[in-house]
Amino acid sequence: ADGRWTLHVAKTHKVVHMSIGGPTT
């Protein structure tokens, strides 16, 4: 659990996916 925000970058076969994770309880 974390009160901090996180940006996630996932790369699969040269395809990039970006997401934002909010705080977790």
mmCIF file of all heavy atoms, coordinates in Angstrom:
data_MODEL
# 
_entry.id   MODEL 
# 
loop_
_atom_site.group_PDB 
_atom_site.id 
_atom_site.type_symbol 
_atom_site.label_atom_id 
_atom_site.label_alt_id 
_atom_site.label_comp_id 
_atom_site.label_asym_id 
_atom_site.label_entity_id 
_atom_site.label_seq_id 
_atom_site.pdbx_PDB_ins_code 
_atom_site.Cartn_x 
_atom_site.Cartn_y 
_atom_site.Cartn_z 
_atom_site.occupancy 
_atom_site.B_iso_or_equiv 
_atom_site.pdbx_formal_charge 
_atom_site.auth_seq_id 
_atom_site.auth_comp_id 
_atom_site.auth_asym_id 
_atom_site.auth_atom_id 
_atom_site.pdbx_PDB_model_num 
ATOM 1   N N   . ALA A 1 1  ? 0.852  -1.190  0.000   1.00 0.00 ? 1  ALA A N   1 
ATOM 2   C CA  . ALA A 1 1  ? 0.000  0.000   0.000   1.00 0.00 ? 1  ALA A CA  1 
ATOM 3   C C   . ALA A 1 1  ? 0.886  1.236   0.000   1.00 0.00 ? 1  ALA A C   1 
ATOM 4   O O   . ALA A 1 1  ? 1.961  1.252   0.602   1.00 0.00 ? 1  ALA A O   1 
ATOM 5   C CB  . ALA A 1 1  ? -0.905 -0.006  1.225   1.00 0.00 ? 1  ALA A CB  1 
ATOM 6   N N   . ASP A 1 2  ? 0.434  2.277   -0.701  1.00 0.00 ? 2  ASP A N   1 
ATOM 7   C CA  . ASP A 1 2  ? 1.280  3.459   -0.844  1.00 0.00 ? 2  ASP A CA  1 
ATOM 8   C C   . ASP A 1 2  ? 0.416  4.670   -1.133  1.00 0.00 ? 2  ASP A C   1 
ATOM 9   O O   . ASP A 1 2  ? -0.503 4.607   -1.954  1.00 0.00 ? 2  ASP A O   1 
ATOM 10  C CB  . ASP A 1 2  ? 2.276  3.243   -1.994  1.00 0.00 ? 2  ASP A CB  1 
ATOM 11  C CG  . ASP A 1 2  ? 3.491  4.142   -1.890  1.00 0.00 ? 2  ASP A CG  1 
ATOM 12  O OD1 . ASP A 1 2  ? 3.371  5.250   -1.334  1.00 0.00 ? 2  ASP A OD1 1 
ATOM 13  O OD2 . ASP A 1 2  ? 4.572  3.734   -2.367  1.00 0.00 ? 2  ASP A OD2 1 
ATOM 14  N N   . GLY A 1 3  ? 0.692  5.775   -0.456  1.00 0.00 ? 3  GLY A N   1 
ATOM 15  C CA  . GLY A 1 3  ? -0.045 7.002   -0.695  1.00 0.00 ? 3  GLY A CA  1 
ATOM 16  C C   . GLY A 1 3  ? 0.498  7.802   -1.858  1.00 0.00 ? 3  GLY A C   1 
ATOM 17  O O   . GLY A 1 3  ? -0.013 8.881   -2.166  1.00 0.00 ? 3  GLY A O   1 
ATOM 18  N N   . ARG A 1 4  ? 1.526  7.277   -2.526  1.00 0.00 ? 4  ARG A N   1 
ATOM 19  C CA  . ARG A 1 4  ? 2.150  8.006   -3.631  1.00 0.00 ? 4  ARG A CA  1 
ATOM 20  C C   . ARG A 1 4  ? 1.581  7.569   -4.985  1.00 0.00 ? 4  ARG A C   1 
ATOM 21  O O   . ARG A 1 4  ? 1.156  6.446   -5.159  1.00 0.00 ? 4  ARG A O   1 
ATOM 22  C CB  . ARG A 1 4  ? 3.668  7.785   -3.610  1.00 0.00 ? 4  ARG A CB  1 
ATOM 23  C CG  . ARG A 1 4  ? 4.345  8.320   -2.355  1.00 0.00 ? 4  ARG A CG  1 
ATOM 24  C CD  . ARG A 1 4  ? 5.787  7.913   -2.271  1.00 0.00 ? 4  ARG A CD  1 
ATOM 25  N NE  . ARG A 1 4  ? 5.939  6.474   -2.064  1.00 0.00 ? 4  ARG A NE  1 
ATOM 26  C CZ  . ARG A 1 4  ? 7.111  5.836   -2.043  1.00 0.00 ? 4  ARG A CZ  1 
ATOM 27  N NH1 . ARG A 1 4  ? 8.222  6.512   -2.256  1.00 0.00 ? 4  ARG A NH1 1 
ATOM 28  N NH2 . ARG A 1 4  ? 7.150  4.538   -1.831  1.00 0.00 ? 4  ARG A NH2 1 
ATOM 29  N N   . TRP A 1 5  ? 1.616  8.497   -5.938  1.00 0.00 ? 5  TRP A N   1 
ATOM 30  C CA  . TRP A 1 5  ? 1.210  8.216   -7.306  1.00 0.00 ? 5  TRP A CA  1 
ATOM 31  C C   . TRP A 1 5  ? 2.379  7.594   -8.066  1.00 0.00 ? 5  TRP A C   1 
ATOM 32  O O   . TRP A 1 5  ? 3.548  7.848   -7.753  1.00 0.00 ? 5  TRP A O   1 
ATOM 33  C CB  . TRP A 1 5  ? 0.808  9.497   -8.016  1.00 0.00 ? 5  TRP A CB  1 
ATOM 34  C CG  . TRP A 1 5  ? -0.386 10.211  -7.468  1.00 0.00 ? 5  TRP A CG  1 
ATOM 35  C CD1 . TRP A 1 5  ? -0.604 10.569  -6.166  1.00 0.00 ? 5  TRP A CD1 1 
ATOM 36  C CD2 . TRP A 1 5  ? -1.513 10.691  -8.214  1.00 0.00 ? 5  TRP A CD2 1 
ATOM 37  N NE1 . TRP A 1 5  ? -1.802 11.239  -6.056  1.00 0.00 ? 5  TRP A NE1 1 
ATOM 38  C CE2 . TRP A 1 5  ? -2.375 11.337  -7.296  1.00 0.00 ? 5  TRP A CE2 1 
ATOM 39  C CE3 . TRP A 1 5  ? -1.862 10.648  -9.549  1.00 0.00 ? 5  TRP A CE3 1 
ATOM 40  C CZ2 . TRP A 1 5  ? -3.574 11.931  -7.678  1.00 0.00 ? 5  TRP A CZ2 1 
ATOM 41  C CZ3 . TRP A 1 5  ? -3.056 11.239  -9.944  1.00 0.00 ? 5  TRP A CZ3 1 
ATOM 42  C CH2 . TRP A 1 5  ? -3.896 11.866  -9.008  1.00 0.00 ? 5  TRP A CH2 1 
ATOM 43  N N   . THR A 1 6  ? 2.065  6.803   -9.094  1.00 0.00 ? 6  THR A N   1 
ATOM 44  C CA  . THR A 1 6  ? 3.110  6.156   -9.888  1.00 0.00 ? 6  THR A CA  1 
ATOM 45  C C   . THR A 1 6  ? 2.764  6.194   -11.368 1.00 0.00 ? 6  THR A C   1 
ATOM 46  O O   . THR A 1 6  ? 1.626  5.916   -11.757 1.00 0.00 ? 6  THR A O   1 
ATOM 47  C CB  . THR A 1 6  ? 3.287  4.676   -9.474  1.00 0.00 ? 6  THR A CB  1 
ATOM 48  O OG1 . THR A 1 6  ? 3.457  4.587   -8.063  1.00 0.00 ? 6  THR A OG1 1 
ATOM 49  C CG2 . THR A 1 6  ? 4.507  4.070   -10.155 1.00 0.00 ? 6  THR A CG2 1 
ATOM 50  N N   . LEU A 1 7  ? 3.749  6.542   -12.194 1.00 0.00 ? 7  LEU A N   1 
ATOM 51  C CA  . LEU A 1 7  ? 3.623  6.420   -13.638 1.00 0.00 ? 7  LEU A CA  1 
ATOM 52  C C   . LEU A 1 7  ? 4.263  5.105   -14.069 1.00 0.00 ? 7  LEU A C   1 
ATOM 53  O O   . LEU A 1 7  ? 5.398  4.816   -13.676 1.00 0.00 ? 7  LEU A O   1 
ATOM 54  C CB  . LEU A 1 7  ? 4.316  7.585   -14.345 1.00 0.00 ? 7  LEU A CB  1 
ATOM 55  C CG  . LEU A 1 7  ? 3.536  8.895   -14.476 1.00 0.00 ? 7  LEU A CG  1 
ATOM 56  C CD1 . LEU A 1 7  ? 4.428  9.977   -15.069 1.00 0.00 ? 7  LEU A CD1 1 
ATOM 57  C CD2 . LEU A 1 7  ? 2.299  8.709   -15.341 1.00 0.00 ? 7  LEU A CD2 1 
ATOM 58  N N   . HIS A 1 8  ? 3.544  4.310   -14.843 1.00 0.00 ? 8  HIS A N   1 
ATOM 59  C CA  . HIS A 1 8  ? 4.062  3.032   -15.317 1.00 0.00 ? 8  HIS A CA  1 
ATOM 60  C C   . HIS A 1 8  ? 4.261  3.078   -16.829 1.00 0.00 ? 8  HIS A C   1 
ATOM 61  O O   . HIS A 1 8  ? 3.362  3.497   -17.566 1.00 0.00 ? 8  HIS A O   1 
ATOM 62  C CB  . HIS A 1 8  ? 3.086  1.895   -14.987 1.00 0.00 ? 8  HIS A CB  1 
ATOM 63  C CG  . HIS A 1 8  ? 2.930  1.652   -13.517 1.00 0.00 ? 8  HIS A CG  1 
ATOM 64  N ND1 . HIS A 1 8  ? 1.725  1.770   -12.857 1.00 0.00 ? 8  HIS A ND1 1 
ATOM 65  C CD2 . HIS A 1 8  ? 3.829  1.295   -12.571 1.00 0.00 ? 8  HIS A CD2 1 
ATOM 66  C CE1 . HIS A 1 8  ? 1.889  1.505   -11.580 1.00 0.00 ? 8  HIS A CE1 1 
ATOM 67  N NE2 . HIS A 1 8  ? 3.159  1.214   -11.379 1.00 0.00 ? 8  HIS A NE2 1 
ATOM 68  N N   . VAL A 1 9  ? 5.438  2.644   -17.256 1.00 0.00 ? 9  VAL A N   1 
ATOM 69  C CA  . VAL A 1 9  ? 5.727  2.526   -18.682 1.00 0.00 ? 9  VAL A CA  1 
ATOM 70  C C   . VAL A 1 9  ? 6.026  1.064   -18.963 1.00 0.00 ? 9  VAL A C   1 
ATOM 71  O O   . VAL A 1 9  ? 6.968  0.495   -18.401 1.00 0.00 ? 9  VAL A O   1 
ATOM 72  C CB  . VAL A 1 9  ? 6.933  3.393   -19.102 1.00 0.00 ? 9  VAL A CB  1 
ATOM 73  C CG1 . VAL A 1 9  ? 7.108  3.364   -20.621 1.00 0.00 ? 9  VAL A CG1 1 
ATOM 74  C CG2 . VAL A 1 9  ? 6.773  4.823   -18.606 1.00 0.00 ? 9  VAL A CG2 1 
ATOM 75  N N   . ALA A 1 10 ? 5.224  0.431   -19.805 1.00 0.00 ? 10 ALA A N   1 
ATOM 76  C CA  . ALA A 1 10 ? 5.418  -0.974  -20.163 1.00 0.00 ? 10 ALA A CA  1 
ATOM 77  C C   . ALA A 1 10 ? 5.694  -1.073  -21.662 1.00 0.00 ? 10 ALA A C   1 
ATOM 78  O O   . ALA A 1 10 ? 4.932  -0.533  -22.472 1.00 0.00 ? 10 ALA A O   1 
ATOM 79  C CB  . ALA A 1 10 ? 4.191  -1.801  -19.803 1.00 0.00 ? 10 ALA A CB  1 
ATOM 80  N N   . LYS A 1 11 ? 6.771  -1.760  -22.018 1.00 0.00 ? 11 LYS A N   1 
ATOM 81  C CA  . LYS A 1 11 ? 7.153  -1.898  -23.426 1.00 0.00 ? 11 LYS A CA  1 
ATOM 82  C C   . LYS A 1 11 ? 7.137  -3.365  -23.811 1.00 0.00 ? 11 LYS A C   1 
ATOM 83  O O   . LYS A 1 11 ? 7.808  -4.186  -23.193 1.00 0.00 ? 11 LYS A O   1 
ATOM 84  C CB  . LYS A 1 11 ? 8.540  -1.301  -23.661 1.00 0.00 ? 11 LYS A CB  1 
ATOM 85  C CG  . LYS A 1 11 ? 8.982  -1.295  -25.116 1.00 0.00 ? 11 LYS A CG  1 
ATOM 86  C CD  . LYS A 1 11 ? 10.330 -0.611  -25.264 1.00 0.00 ? 11 LYS A CD  1 
ATOM 87  C CE  . LYS A 1 11 ? 10.780 -0.571  -26.712 1.00 0.00 ? 11 LYS A CE  1 
ATOM 88  N NZ  . LYS A 1 11 ? 12.103 0.093   -26.854 1.00 0.00 ? 11 LYS A NZ  1 
ATOM 89  N N   . THR A 1 12 ? 6.356  -3.704  -24.833 1.00 0.00 ? 12 THR A N   1 
ATOM 90  C CA  . THR A 1 12 ? 6.257  -5.070  -25.325 1.00 0.00 ? 12 THR A CA  1 
ATOM 91  C C   . THR A 1 12 ? 6.402  -5.071  -26.841 1.00 0.00 ? 12 THR A C   1 
ATOM 92  O O   . THR A 1 12 ? 5.576  -4.481  -27.546 1.00 0.00 ? 12 THR A O   1 
ATOM 93  C CB  . THR A 1 12 ? 4.898  -5.705  -24.961 1.00 0.00 ? 12 THR A CB  1 
ATOM 94  O OG1 . THR A 1 12 ? 4.631  -5.496  -23.571 1.00 0.00 ? 12 THR A OG1 1 
ATOM 95  C CG2 . THR A 1 12 ? 4.898  -7.194  -25.250 1.00 0.00 ? 12 THR A CG2 1 
ATOM 96  N N   . HIS A 1 13 ? 7.454  -5.717  -27.327 1.00 0.00 ? 13 HIS A N   1 
ATOM 97  C CA  . HIS A 1 13 ? 7.686  -5.796  -28.780 1.00 0.00 ? 13 HIS A CA  1 
ATOM 98  C C   . HIS A 1 13 ? 7.614  -4.416  -29.430 1.00 0.00 ? 13 HIS A C   1 
ATOM 99  O O   . HIS A 1 13 ? 6.915  -4.199  -30.424 1.00 0.00 ? 13 HIS A O   1 
ATOM 100 C CB  . HIS A 1 13 ? 6.664  -6.738  -29.435 1.00 0.00 ? 13 HIS A CB  1 
ATOM 101 C CG  . HIS A 1 13 ? 6.635  -8.106  -28.833 1.00 0.00 ? 13 HIS A CG  1 
ATOM 102 N ND1 . HIS A 1 13 ? 7.744  -8.917  -28.781 1.00 0.00 ? 13 HIS A ND1 1 
ATOM 103 C CD2 . HIS A 1 13 ? 5.624  -8.797  -28.243 1.00 0.00 ? 13 HIS A CD2 1 
ATOM 104 C CE1 . HIS A 1 13 ? 7.428  -10.062 -28.194 1.00 0.00 ? 13 HIS A CE1 1 
ATOM 105 N NE2 . HIS A 1 13 ? 6.152  -10.006 -27.848 1.00 0.00 ? 13 HIS A NE2 1 
ATOM 106 N N   . LYS A 1 14 ? 8.309  -3.451  -28.807 1.00 0.00 ? 14 LYS A N   1 
ATOM 107 C CA  . LYS A 1 14 ? 8.437  -2.080  -29.303 1.00 0.00 ? 14 LYS A CA  1 
ATOM 108 C C   . LYS A 1 14 ? 7.143  -1.269  -29.195 1.00 0.00 ? 14 LYS A C   1 
ATOM 109 O O   . LYS A 1 14 ? 7.080  -0.120  -29.639 1.00 0.00 ? 14 LYS A O   1 
ATOM 110 C CB  . LYS A 1 14 ? 8.942  -2.067  -30.749 1.00 0.00 ? 14 LYS A CB  1 
ATOM 111 C CG  . LYS A 1 14 ? 10.340 -2.650  -30.915 1.00 0.00 ? 14 LYS A CG  1 
ATOM 112 C CD  . LYS A 1 14 ? 10.822 -2.522  -32.348 1.00 0.00 ? 14 LYS A CD  1 
ATOM 113 C CE  . LYS A 1 14 ? 12.220 -3.091  -32.486 1.00 0.00 ? 14 LYS A CE  1 
ATOM 114 N NZ  . LYS A 1 14 ? 12.733 -2.961  -33.882 1.00 0.00 ? 14 LYS A NZ  1 
ATOM 115 N N   . VAL A 1 15 ? 6.108  -1.844  -28.617 1.00 0.00 ? 15 VAL A N   1 
ATOM 116 C CA  . VAL A 1 15 ? 4.870  -1.109  -28.362 1.00 0.00 ? 15 VAL A CA  1 
ATOM 117 C C   . VAL A 1 15 ? 4.879  -0.630  -26.914 1.00 0.00 ? 15 VAL A C   1 
ATOM 118 O O   . VAL A 1 15 ? 5.042  -1.428  -25.992 1.00 0.00 ? 15 VAL A O   1 
ATOM 119 C CB  . VAL A 1 15 ? 3.629  -1.979  -28.619 1.00 0.00 ? 15 VAL A CB  1 
ATOM 120 C CG1 . VAL A 1 15 ? 2.365  -1.208  -28.272 1.00 0.00 ? 15 VAL A CG1 1 
ATOM 121 C CG2 . VAL A 1 15 ? 3.591  -2.434  -30.073 1.00 0.00 ? 15 VAL A CG2 1 
ATOM 122 N N   . VAL A 1 16 ? 4.706  0.680   -26.705 1.00 0.00 ? 16 VAL A N   1 
ATOM 123 C CA  . VAL A 1 16 ? 4.793  1.269   -25.364 1.00 0.00 ? 16 VAL A CA  1 
ATOM 124 C C   . VAL A 1 16 ? 3.395  1.604   -24.850 1.00 0.00 ? 16 VAL A C   1 
ATOM 125 O O   . VAL A 1 16 ? 2.578  2.181   -25.575 1.00 0.00 ? 16 VAL A O   1 
ATOM 126 C CB  . VAL A 1 16 ? 5.664  2.537   -25.369 1.00 0.00 ? 16 VAL A CB  1 
ATOM 127 C CG1 . VAL A 1 16 ? 5.786  3.099   -23.954 1.00 0.00 ? 16 VAL A CG1 1 
ATOM 128 C CG2 . VAL A 1 16 ? 7.043  2.235   -25.943 1.00 0.00 ? 16 VAL A CG2 1 
ATOM 129 N N   . HIS A 1 17 ? 3.146  1.222   -23.610 1.00 0.00 ? 17 HIS A N   1 
ATOM 130 C CA  . HIS A 1 17 ? 1.873  1.525   -22.951 1.00 0.00 ? 17 HIS A CA  1 
ATOM 131 C C   . HIS A 1 17 ? 2.167  2.331   -21.695 1.00 0.00 ? 17 HIS A C   1 
ATOM 132 O O   . HIS A 1 17 ? 3.019  1.960   -20.890 1.00 0.00 ? 17 HIS A O   1 
ATOM 133 C CB  . HIS A 1 17 ? 1.146  0.232   -22.570 1.00 0.00 ? 17 HIS A CB  1 
ATOM 134 C CG  . HIS A 1 17 ? -0.115 0.461   -21.791 1.00 0.00 ? 17 HIS A CG  1 
ATOM 135 N ND1 . HIS A 1 17 ? -1.274 0.923   -22.368 1.00 0.00 ? 17 HIS A ND1 1 
ATOM 136 C CD2 . HIS A 1 17 ? -0.382 0.310   -20.466 1.00 0.00 ? 17 HIS A CD2 1 
ATOM 137 C CE1 . HIS A 1 17 ? -2.213 1.043   -21.441 1.00 0.00 ? 17 HIS A CE1 1 
ATOM 138 N NE2 . HIS A 1 17 ? -1.688 0.681   -20.276 1.00 0.00 ? 17 HIS A NE2 1 
ATOM 139 N N   . MET A 1 18 ? 1.463  3.463   -21.545 1.00 0.00 ? 18 MET A N   1 
ATOM 140 C CA  . MET A 1 18 ? 1.671  4.357   -20.412 1.00 0.00 ? 18 MET A CA  1 
ATOM 141 C C   . MET A 1 18 ? 0.418  4.391   -19.552 1.00 0.00 ? 18 MET A C   1 
ATOM 142 O O   . MET A 1 18 ? -0.710 4.478   -20.064 1.00 0.00 ? 18 MET A O   1 
ATOM 143 C CB  . MET A 1 18 ? 1.958  5.766   -20.936 1.00 0.00 ? 18 MET A CB  1 
ATOM 144 C CG  . MET A 1 18 ? 2.478  6.717   -19.888 1.00 0.00 ? 18 MET A CG  1 
ATOM 145 S SD  . MET A 1 18 ? 4.269  6.613   -19.783 1.00 0.00 ? 18 MET A SD  1 
ATOM 146 C CE  . MET A 1 18 ? 4.585  7.967   -18.652 1.00 0.00 ? 18 MET A CE  1 
ATOM 147 N N   . SER A 1 19 ? 0.599  4.336   -18.234 1.00 0.00 ? 19 SER A N   1 
ATOM 148 C CA  . SER A 1 19 ? -0.554 4.397   -17.333 1.00 0.00 ? 19 SER A CA  1 
ATOM 149 C C   . SER A 1 19 ? -0.162 5.120   -16.048 1.00 0.00 ? 19 SER A C   1 
ATOM 150 O O   . SER A 1 19 ? 1.018  5.256   -15.732 1.00 0.00 ? 19 SER A O   1 
ATOM 151 C CB  . SER A 1 19 ? -1.074 2.996   -17.010 1.00 0.00 ? 19 SER A CB  1 
ATOM 152 O OG  . SER A 1 19 ? -0.079 2.227   -16.349 1.00 0.00 ? 19 SER A OG  1 
ATOM 153 N N   . ILE A 1 20 ? -1.166 5.579   -15.333 1.00 0.00 ? 20 ILE A N   1 
ATOM 154 C CA  . ILE A 1 20 ? -0.951 6.250   -14.055 1.00 0.00 ? 20 ILE A CA  1 
ATOM 155 C C   . ILE A 1 20 ? -1.655 5.477   -12.961 1.00 0.00 ? 20 ILE A C   1 
ATOM 156 O O   . ILE A 1 20 ? -2.837 5.167   -13.080 1.00 0.00 ? 20 ILE A O   1 
ATOM 157 C CB  . ILE A 1 20 ? -1.444 7.722   -14.109 1.00 0.00 ? 20 ILE A CB  1 
ATOM 158 C CG1 . ILE A 1 20 ? -1.336 8.385   -12.727 1.00 0.00 ? 20 ILE A CG1 1 
ATOM 159 C CG2 . ILE A 1 20 ? -2.874 7.805   -14.630 1.00 0.00 ? 20 ILE A CG2 1 
ATOM 160 C CD1 . ILE A 1 20 ? 0.057  8.659   -12.297 1.00 0.00 ? 20 ILE A CD1 1 
ATOM 161 N N   . GLY A 1 21 ? -0.921 5.132   -11.931 1.00 0.00 ? 21 GLY A N   1 
ATOM 162 C CA  . GLY A 1 21 ? -1.482 4.414   -10.796 1.00 0.00 ? 21 GLY A CA  1 
ATOM 163 C C   . GLY A 1 21 ? -1.701 5.359   -9.636  1.00 0.00 ? 21 GLY A C   1 
ATOM 164 O O   . GLY A 1 21 ? -0.813 6.144   -9.283  1.00 0.00 ? 21 GLY A O   1 
ATOM 165 N N   . GLY A 1 22 ? -2.889 5.306   -9.059  1.00 0.00 ? 22 GLY A N   1 
ATOM 166 C CA  . GLY A 1 22 ? -3.191 6.174   -7.938  1.00 0.00 ? 22 GLY A CA  1 
ATOM 167 C C   . GLY A 1 22 ? -2.737 5.582   -6.613  1.00 0.00 ? 22 GLY A C   1 
ATOM 168 O O   . GLY A 1 22 ? -2.129 4.509   -6.562  1.00 0.00 ? 22 GLY A O   1 
ATOM 169 N N   . PRO A 1 23 ? -3.004 6.257   -5.516  1.00 0.00 ? 23 PRO A N   1 
ATOM 170 C CA  . PRO A 1 23 ? -2.669 5.752   -4.186  1.00 0.00 ? 23 PRO A CA  1 
ATOM 171 C C   . PRO A 1 23 ? -3.373 4.419   -3.924  1.00 0.00 ? 23 PRO A C   1 
ATOM 172 O O   . PRO A 1 23 ? -4.463 4.162   -4.455  1.00 0.00 ? 23 PRO A O   1 
ATOM 173 C CB  . PRO A 1 23 ? -3.184 6.842   -3.242  1.00 0.00 ? 23 PRO A CB  1 
ATOM 174 C CG  . PRO A 1 23 ? -3.318 8.063   -4.097  1.00 0.00 ? 23 PRO A CG  1 
ATOM 175 C CD  . PRO A 1 23 ? -3.672 7.574   -5.442  1.00 0.00 ? 23 PRO A CD  1 
ATOM 176 N N   . THR A 1 24 ? -2.754 3.572   -3.105  1.00 0.00 ? 24 THR A N   1 
ATOM 177 C CA  . THR A 1 24 ? -3.333 2.259   -2.814  1.00 0.00 ? 24 THR A CA  1 
ATOM 178 C C   . THR A 1 24 ? -3.497 2.072   -1.308  1.00 0.00 ? 24 THR A C   1 
ATOM 179 O O   . THR A 1 24 ? -2.687 2.555   -0.522  1.00 0.00 ? 24 THR A O   1 
ATOM 180 C CB  . THR A 1 24 ? -2.456 1.127   -3.372  1.00 0.00 ? 24 THR A CB  1 
ATOM 181 O OG1 . THR A 1 24 ? -1.106 1.278   -2.889  1.00 0.00 ? 24 THR A OG1 1 
ATOM 182 C CG2 . THR A 1 24 ? -2.427 1.160   -4.893  1.00 0.00 ? 24 THR A CG2 1 
ATOM 183 N N   . THR A 1 25 ? -4.548 1.355   -0.934  1.00 0.00 ? 25 THR A N   1 
ATOM 184 C CA  . THR A 1 25 ? -4.861 1.168   0.486   1.00 0.00 ? 25 THR A CA  1 
ATOM 185 C C   . THR A 1 25 ? -4.429 -0.195  1.022   1.00 0.00 ? 25 THR A C   1 
ATOM 186 O O   . THR A 1 25 ? -4.472 -0.426  2.222   1.00 0.00 ? 25 THR A O   1 
ATOM 187 C CB  . THR A 1 25 ? -6.374 1.313   0.707   1.00 0.00 ? 25 THR A CB  1 
ATOM 188 O OG1 . THR A 1 25 ? -7.068 0.327   -0.091  1.00 0.00 ? 25 THR A OG1 1 
ATOM 189 C CG2 . THR A 1 25 ? -6.852 2.696   0.308   1.00 0.00 ? 25 THR A CG2 1 
# 
